[in-house]
Amino acid sequence: MPILIRTAAPADAPALADLARRTFVATFGHLYPETDLTSFLEGAYSETHQRRELEDPLWVTLLAERDGVPLGYAQVVLDHPAPGLPALPAPMELNRFYLEQEAHGSGLANSLMEAVVQAALDHGGRTLWLGVWEHNHRARAFYERWGFTYAGEHFFQVGTKADTDHILVRALPEPPANTQ
């Protein structure tokens, strides 16, 4: 079955919340005490929170699925400056980018990143930035292959633990000149 990447709708909140919790735990669950992790998941990845983000016109959520089963997702926050960096032209934040473990190495990440770049361009983005955990070497290598470069750091808080995220930035292609 081919993979479909589409813009998620508020009705996708339950599936997105489940996917978001599973992929976050699979990637980072080992780093945090259970009480901190549970509290974080209940806040950031609850169905209510996901619905709020899906209803927010400044958030674009892309859902990758095969035969109706979610395999990954990405969330772009429109017109969102990077913390602690000089002003970037038309900044868009790649807030989340997660795949199910079974989809790693399948090419889905590249397809999803192509959709992210297109969504940012479609909404007037000129710069795409993200925060990635400093020790997530696989993700950092992927983003570097996509042209992201180190621009700074910020902290990502989960309960009592603050992790250092590298802020990576990528310029987006210039829109075609208007020939009229």
N, C-alpha and C. Protein backbone atom coordinates (compact mmCIF):
# COMPACT_ATOMS: atom_id res chain seq x y z
N MET A 1 0.83 -1.19 0.00
CA MET A 1 0.00 0.00 0.00
C MET A 1 0.87 1.25 0.00
N PRO A 2 0.52 2.24 -0.81
CA PRO A 2 1.28 3.49 -0.80
C PRO A 2 1.01 4.29 0.48
N ILE A 3 1.95 5.16 0.77
CA ILE A 3 1.81 6.03 1.94
C ILE A 3 1.19 7.34 1.50
N LEU A 4 0.22 7.80 2.27
CA LEU A 4 -0.44 9.07 2.02
C LEU A 4 0.03 10.05 3.08
N ILE A 5 0.42 11.24 2.66
CA ILE A 5 0.73 12.32 3.60
C ILE A 5 -0.32 13.40 3.36
N ARG A 6 -1.03 13.71 4.42
CA ARG A 6 -2.13 14.68 4.31
C ARG A 6 -2.12 15.61 5.50
N THR A 7 -2.82 16.73 5.35
CA THR A 7 -3.00 17.66 6.46
C THR A 7 -4.03 17.07 7.40
N ALA A 8 -3.67 16.97 8.66
CA ALA A 8 -4.57 16.40 9.66
C ALA A 8 -5.68 17.40 9.99
N ALA A 9 -6.81 16.85 10.43
CA ALA A 9 -7.98 17.64 10.81
C ALA A 9 -8.30 17.39 12.28
N PRO A 10 -9.12 18.23 12.90
CA PRO A 10 -9.48 18.01 14.30
C PRO A 10 -9.99 16.61 14.61
N ALA A 11 -10.66 15.98 13.66
CA ALA A 11 -11.16 14.61 13.87
C ALA A 11 -10.02 13.61 14.05
N ASP A 12 -8.81 13.98 13.65
CA ASP A 12 -7.64 13.10 13.79
C ASP A 12 -7.01 13.18 15.18
N ALA A 13 -7.54 14.01 16.06
CA ALA A 13 -6.93 14.22 17.37
C ALA A 13 -6.71 12.93 18.16
N PRO A 14 -7.67 12.01 18.23
CA PRO A 14 -7.41 10.79 19.01
C PRO A 14 -6.26 9.96 18.45
N ALA A 15 -6.24 9.77 17.13
CA ALA A 15 -5.16 8.98 16.51
C ALA A 15 -3.83 9.69 16.64
N LEU A 16 -3.84 11.02 16.47
CA LEU A 16 -2.60 11.78 16.58
C LEU A 16 -2.06 11.75 18.00
N ALA A 17 -2.91 11.90 18.99
CA ALA A 17 -2.47 11.85 20.39
C ALA A 17 -1.82 10.50 20.69
N ASP A 18 -2.45 9.43 20.23
CA ASP A 18 -1.90 8.09 20.45
C ASP A 18 -0.55 7.92 19.76
N LEU A 19 -0.47 8.33 18.50
CA LEU A 19 0.79 8.25 17.75
C LEU A 19 1.87 9.11 18.40
N ALA A 20 1.52 10.31 18.81
CA ALA A 20 2.49 11.23 19.42
C ALA A 20 3.05 10.65 20.72
N ARG A 21 2.19 10.11 21.55
CA ARG A 21 2.66 9.51 22.81
C ARG A 21 3.58 8.33 22.54
N ARG A 22 3.14 7.43 21.65
CA ARG A 22 3.95 6.23 21.35
C ARG A 22 5.32 6.59 20.80
N THR A 23 5.37 7.51 19.85
CA THR A 23 6.66 7.83 19.22
C THR A 23 7.56 8.60 20.17
N PHE A 24 6.98 9.46 21.01
CA PHE A 24 7.81 10.18 21.98
C PHE A 24 8.41 9.20 22.98
N VAL A 25 7.59 8.30 23.50
CA VAL A 25 8.07 7.32 24.48
C VAL A 25 9.13 6.41 23.84
N ALA A 26 8.90 5.97 22.62
CA ALA A 26 9.87 5.09 21.95
C ALA A 26 11.21 5.79 21.76
N THR A 27 11.17 7.09 21.52
CA THR A 27 12.39 7.84 21.27
C THR A 27 13.06 8.33 22.55
N PHE A 28 12.26 8.82 23.50
CA PHE A 28 12.84 9.50 24.65
C PHE A 28 12.40 8.96 26.01
N GLY A 29 11.52 8.01 26.04
CA GLY A 29 10.95 7.53 27.30
C GLY A 29 11.98 7.08 28.32
N HIS A 30 13.10 6.55 27.85
CA HIS A 30 14.14 6.04 28.76
C HIS A 30 14.88 7.15 29.49
N LEU A 31 14.69 8.40 29.08
CA LEU A 31 15.45 9.51 29.66
C LEU A 31 14.84 10.09 30.93
N TYR A 32 13.55 9.82 31.16
CA TYR A 32 12.84 10.56 32.20
C TYR A 32 12.24 9.64 33.26
N PRO A 33 12.18 10.14 34.50
CA PRO A 33 11.46 9.39 35.53
C PRO A 33 9.99 9.24 35.12
N GLU A 34 9.38 8.14 35.51
CA GLU A 34 8.01 7.81 35.09
C GLU A 34 7.02 8.93 35.41
N THR A 35 7.12 9.53 36.58
CA THR A 35 6.15 10.58 36.94
C THR A 35 6.32 11.81 36.04
N ASP A 36 7.56 12.18 35.72
CA ASP A 36 7.79 13.32 34.82
C ASP A 36 7.28 13.01 33.42
N LEU A 37 7.56 11.80 32.94
CA LEU A 37 7.14 11.41 31.60
C LEU A 37 5.61 11.39 31.50
N THR A 38 4.96 10.78 32.47
CA THR A 38 3.50 10.70 32.46
C THR A 38 2.87 12.08 32.46
N SER A 39 3.36 12.96 33.31
CA SER A 39 2.84 14.32 33.39
C SER A 39 3.04 15.06 32.06
N PHE A 40 4.22 14.92 31.48
CA PHE A 40 4.51 15.57 30.20
C PHE A 40 3.57 15.06 29.11
N LEU A 41 3.41 13.75 29.02
CA LEU A 41 2.56 13.16 27.98
C LEU A 41 1.11 13.60 28.14
N GLU A 42 0.63 13.67 29.39
CA GLU A 42 -0.75 14.08 29.63
C GLU A 42 -0.98 15.54 29.22
N GLY A 43 0.06 16.36 29.30
CA GLY A 43 -0.08 17.75 28.89
C GLY A 43 0.14 17.94 27.40
N ALA A 44 1.31 17.57 26.91
CA ALA A 44 1.70 17.86 25.53
C ALA A 44 1.01 16.98 24.50
N TYR A 45 0.63 15.77 24.88
CA TYR A 45 0.13 14.81 23.90
C TYR A 45 -1.27 14.28 24.21
N SER A 46 -2.01 15.00 25.00
CA SER A 46 -3.39 14.58 25.26
C SER A 46 -4.22 14.82 24.01
N GLU A 47 -5.33 14.12 23.94
CA GLU A 47 -6.25 14.32 22.81
C GLU A 47 -6.74 15.76 22.77
N THR A 48 -7.05 16.33 23.93
CA THR A 48 -7.51 17.71 23.99
C THR A 48 -6.46 18.67 23.46
N HIS A 49 -5.21 18.46 23.88
CA HIS A 49 -4.13 19.34 23.42
C HIS A 49 -3.92 19.19 21.91
N GLN A 50 -3.95 17.97 21.42
CA GLN A 50 -3.76 17.77 19.99
C GLN A 50 -4.90 18.42 19.19
N ARG A 51 -6.12 18.30 19.67
CA ARG A 51 -7.24 18.94 18.98
C ARG A 51 -7.06 20.46 18.94
N ARG A 52 -6.61 21.03 20.06
CA ARG A 52 -6.36 22.48 20.10
C ARG A 52 -5.33 22.87 19.04
N GLU A 53 -4.26 22.09 18.92
CA GLU A 53 -3.24 22.40 17.91
C GLU A 53 -3.81 22.23 16.50
N LEU A 54 -4.60 21.19 16.30
CA LEU A 54 -5.19 20.95 14.97
C LEU A 54 -6.18 22.05 14.58
N GLU A 55 -6.80 22.67 15.55
CA GLU A 55 -7.76 23.74 15.28
C GLU A 55 -7.08 25.11 15.15
N ASP A 56 -5.84 25.20 15.56
CA ASP A 56 -5.10 26.47 15.54
C ASP A 56 -4.63 26.76 14.12
N PRO A 57 -5.03 27.91 13.54
CA PRO A 57 -4.62 28.21 12.16
C PRO A 57 -3.12 28.45 12.00
N LEU A 58 -2.40 28.62 13.10
CA LEU A 58 -0.94 28.80 13.00
C LEU A 58 -0.18 27.48 13.06
N TRP A 59 -0.88 26.37 13.19
CA TRP A 59 -0.26 25.05 13.22
C TRP A 59 -0.70 24.27 11.99
N VAL A 60 0.27 23.65 11.32
CA VAL A 60 -0.01 22.74 10.21
C VAL A 60 0.51 21.37 10.64
N THR A 61 -0.39 20.40 10.73
CA THR A 61 0.00 19.05 11.12
C THR A 61 -0.15 18.14 9.91
N LEU A 62 0.94 17.49 9.57
CA LEU A 62 0.96 16.54 8.46
C LEU A 62 0.98 15.14 9.03
N LEU A 63 0.09 14.31 8.53
CA LEU A 63 -0.05 12.95 9.02
C LEU A 63 0.30 12.00 7.88
N ALA A 64 1.23 11.09 8.14
CA ALA A 64 1.63 10.08 7.16
C ALA A 64 0.96 8.76 7.55
N GLU A 65 0.25 8.16 6.61
CA GLU A 65 -0.45 6.93 6.94
C GLU A 65 -0.44 5.95 5.76
N ARG A 66 -0.53 4.70 6.11
CA ARG A 66 -0.67 3.63 5.12
C ARG A 66 -1.97 2.90 5.43
N ASP A 67 -2.85 2.86 4.46
CA ASP A 67 -4.13 2.18 4.62
C ASP A 67 -4.88 2.67 5.86
N GLY A 68 -4.80 3.99 6.10
CA GLY A 68 -5.50 4.60 7.22
C GLY A 68 -4.82 4.46 8.56
N VAL A 69 -3.66 3.80 8.61
CA VAL A 69 -2.93 3.60 9.86
C VAL A 69 -1.80 4.64 9.94
N PRO A 70 -1.80 5.51 10.96
CA PRO A 70 -0.75 6.53 11.08
C PRO A 70 0.63 5.90 11.33
N LEU A 71 1.60 6.38 10.54
CA LEU A 71 2.99 5.92 10.68
C LEU A 71 3.93 7.02 11.12
N GLY A 72 3.50 8.26 10.98
CA GLY A 72 4.36 9.37 11.35
C GLY A 72 3.60 10.68 11.22
N TYR A 73 4.22 11.73 11.75
CA TYR A 73 3.60 13.05 11.65
C TYR A 73 4.65 14.13 11.81
N ALA A 74 4.30 15.31 11.36
CA ALA A 74 5.15 16.49 11.53
C ALA A 74 4.23 17.67 11.80
N GLN A 75 4.71 18.60 12.63
CA GLN A 75 3.93 19.79 12.93
C GLN A 75 4.79 21.02 12.68
N VAL A 76 4.24 21.93 11.90
CA VAL A 76 4.92 23.18 11.56
C VAL A 76 4.14 24.32 12.20
N VAL A 77 4.84 25.18 12.93
CA VAL A 77 4.22 26.35 13.54
C VAL A 77 4.58 27.55 12.67
N LEU A 78 3.56 28.19 12.12
CA LEU A 78 3.76 29.29 11.19
C LEU A 78 4.17 30.57 11.90
N ASP A 79 5.02 31.33 11.24
CA ASP A 79 5.43 32.65 11.73
C ASP A 79 5.88 32.58 13.18
N HIS A 80 6.83 31.70 13.46
CA HIS A 80 7.27 31.45 14.84
C HIS A 80 8.78 31.65 14.95
N PRO A 81 9.24 32.74 15.57
CA PRO A 81 10.68 33.02 15.69
C PRO A 81 11.39 31.98 16.56
N ALA A 82 12.64 31.75 16.25
CA ALA A 82 13.48 30.84 17.04
C ALA A 82 13.95 31.57 18.30
N PRO A 83 13.89 30.90 19.46
CA PRO A 83 14.29 31.56 20.71
C PRO A 83 15.79 31.85 20.73
N GLY A 84 16.11 33.07 21.12
CA GLY A 84 17.51 33.45 21.31
C GLY A 84 18.30 33.69 20.05
N LEU A 85 17.66 33.66 18.90
CA LEU A 85 18.38 33.90 17.65
C LEU A 85 17.98 35.26 17.09
N PRO A 86 18.89 35.87 16.32
CA PRO A 86 18.49 37.10 15.64
C PRO A 86 17.29 36.80 14.73
N ALA A 87 16.57 37.83 14.39
CA ALA A 87 15.37 37.66 13.56
C ALA A 87 15.72 36.92 12.27
N LEU A 88 14.94 35.89 11.98
CA LEU A 88 15.08 35.12 10.75
C LEU A 88 13.96 35.55 9.80
N PRO A 89 14.22 35.55 8.50
CA PRO A 89 13.14 35.92 7.57
C PRO A 89 12.01 34.89 7.57
N ALA A 90 10.78 35.35 7.77
CA ALA A 90 9.56 34.51 7.73
C ALA A 90 9.81 33.14 8.35
N PRO A 91 10.08 33.09 9.68
CA PRO A 91 10.44 31.83 10.32
C PRO A 91 9.26 30.91 10.56
N MET A 92 9.48 29.64 10.29
CA MET A 92 8.52 28.57 10.56
C MET A 92 9.25 27.54 11.41
N GLU A 93 8.60 27.08 12.48
CA GLU A 93 9.22 26.07 13.34
C GLU A 93 8.73 24.68 12.97
N LEU A 94 9.65 23.77 12.74
CA LEU A 94 9.31 22.36 12.65
C LEU A 94 9.29 21.87 14.09
N ASN A 95 8.09 21.91 14.67
CA ASN A 95 7.93 21.66 16.10
C ASN A 95 8.06 20.19 16.47
N ARG A 96 7.51 19.32 15.63
CA ARG A 96 7.59 17.87 15.88
C ARG A 96 7.75 17.14 14.56
N PHE A 97 8.53 16.06 14.60
CA PHE A 97 8.76 15.22 13.42
C PHE A 97 9.06 13.83 13.95
N TYR A 98 8.07 12.94 13.90
CA TYR A 98 8.22 11.61 14.49
C TYR A 98 7.68 10.54 13.55
N LEU A 99 8.34 9.39 13.57
CA LEU A 99 7.89 8.21 12.83
C LEU A 99 7.82 7.02 13.77
N GLU A 100 6.91 6.10 13.46
CA GLU A 100 6.90 4.82 14.15
C GLU A 100 8.25 4.14 13.85
N GLN A 101 8.73 3.35 14.80
CA GLN A 101 10.01 2.65 14.62
C GLN A 101 10.01 1.83 13.34
N GLU A 102 8.91 1.18 13.02
CA GLU A 102 8.85 0.32 11.83
C GLU A 102 9.05 1.10 10.53
N ALA A 103 8.84 2.41 10.55
CA ALA A 103 8.98 3.23 9.35
C ALA A 103 10.39 3.79 9.18
N HIS A 104 11.24 3.65 10.19
CA HIS A 104 12.61 4.13 10.07
C HIS A 104 13.31 3.39 8.96
N GLY A 105 14.05 4.11 8.14
CA GLY A 105 14.80 3.51 7.05
C GLY A 105 13.96 3.18 5.83
N SER A 106 12.69 3.55 5.82
CA SER A 106 11.79 3.20 4.72
C SER A 106 11.71 4.28 3.63
N GLY A 107 12.29 5.45 3.89
CA GLY A 107 12.16 6.57 2.97
C GLY A 107 11.02 7.51 3.36
N LEU A 108 10.20 7.10 4.34
CA LEU A 108 9.08 7.93 4.76
C LEU A 108 9.56 9.27 5.31
N ALA A 109 10.66 9.28 6.05
CA ALA A 109 11.15 10.54 6.63
C ALA A 109 11.43 11.56 5.53
N ASN A 110 12.02 11.13 4.43
CA ASN A 110 12.30 12.06 3.33
C ASN A 110 11.00 12.58 2.71
N SER A 111 10.04 11.70 2.51
CA SER A 111 8.76 12.14 1.95
C SER A 111 8.06 13.12 2.88
N LEU A 112 8.11 12.83 4.18
CA LEU A 112 7.47 13.72 5.14
C LEU A 112 8.20 15.07 5.19
N MET A 113 9.53 15.06 5.11
CA MET A 113 10.27 16.33 5.12
C MET A 113 9.97 17.13 3.86
N GLU A 114 9.82 16.48 2.73
CA GLU A 114 9.43 17.20 1.51
C GLU A 114 8.09 17.90 1.72
N ALA A 115 7.16 17.21 2.36
CA ALA A 115 5.85 17.79 2.64
C ALA A 115 5.95 18.96 3.62
N VAL A 116 6.84 18.84 4.60
CA VAL A 116 7.07 19.93 5.57
C VAL A 116 7.58 21.17 4.85
N VAL A 117 8.60 20.99 4.02
CA VAL A 117 9.17 22.13 3.29
C VAL A 117 8.09 22.77 2.42
N GLN A 118 7.31 21.96 1.73
CA GLN A 118 6.25 22.50 0.87
C GLN A 118 5.20 23.25 1.69
N ALA A 119 4.82 22.71 2.83
CA ALA A 119 3.84 23.39 3.69
C ALA A 119 4.37 24.74 4.16
N ALA A 120 5.65 24.78 4.55
CA ALA A 120 6.24 26.05 4.98
C ALA A 120 6.25 27.05 3.83
N LEU A 121 6.63 26.60 2.65
CA LEU A 121 6.64 27.49 1.47
C LEU A 121 5.23 27.97 1.14
N ASP A 122 4.27 27.05 1.20
CA ASP A 122 2.88 27.41 0.88
C ASP A 122 2.32 28.47 1.82
N HIS A 123 2.88 28.56 3.01
CA HIS A 123 2.42 29.54 4.00
C HIS A 123 3.36 30.74 4.10
N GLY A 124 4.21 30.94 3.11
CA GLY A 124 5.06 32.12 3.06
C GLY A 124 6.35 32.01 3.83
N GLY A 125 6.73 30.82 4.23
CA GLY A 125 7.96 30.65 4.99
C GLY A 125 9.21 30.90 4.16
N ARG A 126 10.20 31.49 4.80
CA ARG A 126 11.51 31.70 4.16
C ARG A 126 12.61 30.97 4.92
N THR A 127 12.31 30.64 6.20
CA THR A 127 13.28 29.94 7.05
C THR A 127 12.54 28.87 7.83
N LEU A 128 13.16 27.70 7.93
CA LEU A 128 12.62 26.62 8.74
C LEU A 128 13.62 26.34 9.84
N TRP A 129 13.15 26.23 11.07
CA TRP A 129 14.05 25.93 12.18
C TRP A 129 13.42 24.86 13.07
N LEU A 130 14.26 24.23 13.87
CA LEU A 130 13.79 23.18 14.77
C LEU A 130 14.75 23.05 15.94
N GLY A 131 14.27 22.41 16.99
CA GLY A 131 15.12 22.04 18.13
C GLY A 131 15.24 20.53 18.13
N VAL A 132 16.46 20.02 18.28
CA VAL A 132 16.69 18.58 18.32
C VAL A 132 17.63 18.28 19.48
N TRP A 133 17.32 17.25 20.25
CA TRP A 133 18.13 16.88 21.41
C TRP A 133 19.57 16.69 20.99
N GLU A 134 20.47 17.29 21.74
CA GLU A 134 21.89 17.27 21.38
C GLU A 134 22.46 15.87 21.21
N HIS A 135 21.89 14.86 21.87
CA HIS A 135 22.41 13.49 21.77
C HIS A 135 21.61 12.61 20.81
N ASN A 136 20.68 13.18 20.08
CA ASN A 136 19.92 12.41 19.09
C ASN A 136 20.68 12.47 17.76
N HIS A 137 21.72 11.68 17.68
CA HIS A 137 22.64 11.74 16.53
C HIS A 137 21.97 11.34 15.22
N ARG A 138 21.10 10.36 15.27
CA ARG A 138 20.41 9.94 14.04
C ARG A 138 19.56 11.08 13.48
N ALA A 139 18.78 11.73 14.34
CA ALA A 139 17.93 12.84 13.88
C ALA A 139 18.79 14.00 13.40
N ARG A 140 19.84 14.32 14.14
CA ARG A 140 20.70 15.44 13.73
C ARG A 140 21.31 15.17 12.36
N ALA A 141 21.76 13.95 12.11
CA ALA A 141 22.33 13.60 10.80
C ALA A 141 21.28 13.74 9.70
N PHE A 142 20.06 13.30 9.97
CA PHE A 142 18.98 13.43 9.00
C PHE A 142 18.74 14.90 8.67
N TYR A 143 18.62 15.74 9.69
CA TYR A 143 18.36 17.16 9.45
C TYR A 143 19.52 17.82 8.71
N GLU A 144 20.75 17.43 9.04
CA GLU A 144 21.90 18.00 8.33
C GLU A 144 21.87 17.62 6.86
N ARG A 145 21.44 16.39 6.54
CA ARG A 145 21.31 15.99 5.13
C ARG A 145 20.26 16.86 4.42
N TRP A 146 19.32 17.37 5.17
CA TRP A 146 18.29 18.24 4.60
C TRP A 146 18.69 19.71 4.62
N GLY A 147 19.94 20.02 4.91
CA GLY A 147 20.44 21.39 4.82
C GLY A 147 20.29 22.23 6.07
N PHE A 148 19.93 21.63 7.20
CA PHE A 148 19.83 22.37 8.45
C PHE A 148 21.23 22.50 9.05
N THR A 149 21.50 23.66 9.63
CA THR A 149 22.79 23.90 10.27
C THR A 149 22.57 24.43 11.69
N TYR A 150 23.56 24.18 12.52
CA TYR A 150 23.52 24.60 13.92
C TYR A 150 23.48 26.12 14.01
N ALA A 151 22.58 26.63 14.88
CA ALA A 151 22.47 28.08 15.06
C ALA A 151 22.42 28.49 16.52
N GLY A 152 22.30 27.54 17.43
CA GLY A 152 22.21 27.88 18.85
C GLY A 152 21.64 26.73 19.65
N GLU A 153 21.27 27.06 20.89
CA GLU A 153 20.73 26.04 21.80
C GLU A 153 19.59 26.62 22.60
N HIS A 154 18.73 25.72 23.07
CA HIS A 154 17.71 26.08 24.05
C HIS A 154 17.41 24.84 24.87
N PHE A 155 16.62 25.01 25.91
CA PHE A 155 16.31 23.89 26.79
C PHE A 155 14.92 23.36 26.51
N PHE A 156 14.79 22.05 26.63
CA PHE A 156 13.52 21.36 26.48
C PHE A 156 13.22 20.70 27.82
N GLN A 157 12.15 21.13 28.46
CA GLN A 157 11.83 20.70 29.82
C GLN A 157 10.82 19.56 29.81
N VAL A 158 11.15 18.49 30.50
CA VAL A 158 10.22 17.40 30.76
C VAL A 158 10.27 17.17 32.26
N GLY A 159 9.22 17.61 32.95
CA GLY A 159 9.20 17.48 34.40
C GLY A 159 10.35 18.23 35.03
N THR A 160 11.15 17.52 35.81
CA THR A 160 12.26 18.14 36.52
C THR A 160 13.54 18.18 35.71
N LYS A 161 13.53 17.61 34.51
CA LYS A 161 14.74 17.51 33.71
C LYS A 161 14.70 18.47 32.52
N ALA A 162 15.78 19.23 32.38
CA ALA A 162 15.92 20.13 31.23
C ALA A 162 17.02 19.57 30.33
N ASP A 163 16.65 19.27 29.10
CA ASP A 163 17.62 18.77 28.12
C ASP A 163 18.04 19.90 27.21
N THR A 164 19.26 19.81 26.70
CA THR A 164 19.75 20.79 25.75
C THR A 164 19.37 20.36 24.34
N ASP A 165 18.66 21.23 23.65
CA ASP A 165 18.34 21.03 22.24
C ASP A 165 19.22 21.94 21.40
N HIS A 166 19.71 21.42 20.30
CA HIS A 166 20.39 22.25 19.32
C HIS A 166 19.31 22.86 18.42
N ILE A 167 19.43 24.14 18.18
CA ILE A 167 18.53 24.81 17.24
C ILE A 167 19.22 24.74 15.87
N LEU A 168 18.52 24.13 14.93
CA LEU A 168 19.02 24.00 13.56
C LEU A 168 18.14 24.84 12.65
N VAL A 169 18.77 25.46 11.66
CA VAL A 169 18.08 26.40 10.78
C VAL A 169 18.38 26.04 9.33
N ARG A 170 17.39 26.26 8.50
CA ARG A 170 17.55 26.04 7.06
C ARG A 170 16.79 27.12 6.31
N ALA A 171 17.46 27.77 5.34
CA ALA A 171 16.78 28.71 4.47
C ALA A 171 15.93 27.91 3.47
N LEU A 172 14.76 28.44 3.16
CA LEU A 172 13.88 27.81 2.18
C LEU A 172 14.13 28.44 0.81
N PRO A 173 13.84 27.71 -0.25
CA PRO A 173 14.07 28.25 -1.58
C PRO A 173 13.27 29.53 -1.83
N GLU A 174 13.85 30.40 -2.62
CA GLU A 174 13.16 31.64 -3.00
C GLU A 174 11.94 31.28 -3.84
N PRO A 175 10.83 31.98 -3.60
CA PRO A 175 9.68 31.73 -4.47
C PRO A 175 10.00 32.22 -5.88
N PRO A 176 9.37 31.63 -6.90
CA PRO A 176 9.63 32.08 -8.26
C PRO A 176 9.23 33.54 -8.42
N ALA A 177 9.99 34.26 -9.23
CA ALA A 177 9.69 35.66 -9.46
C ALA A 177 8.38 35.77 -10.23
N ASN A 178 7.59 36.77 -9.89
CA ASN A 178 6.34 37.02 -10.58
C ASN A 178 6.67 37.65 -11.92
N THR A 179 6.30 36.97 -13.01
CA THR A 179 6.66 37.44 -14.33
C THR A 179 5.57 38.27 -15.00
N GLN A 180 4.54 38.61 -14.27
CA GLN A 180 3.46 39.40 -14.87
C GLN A 180 3.73 40.86 -14.77
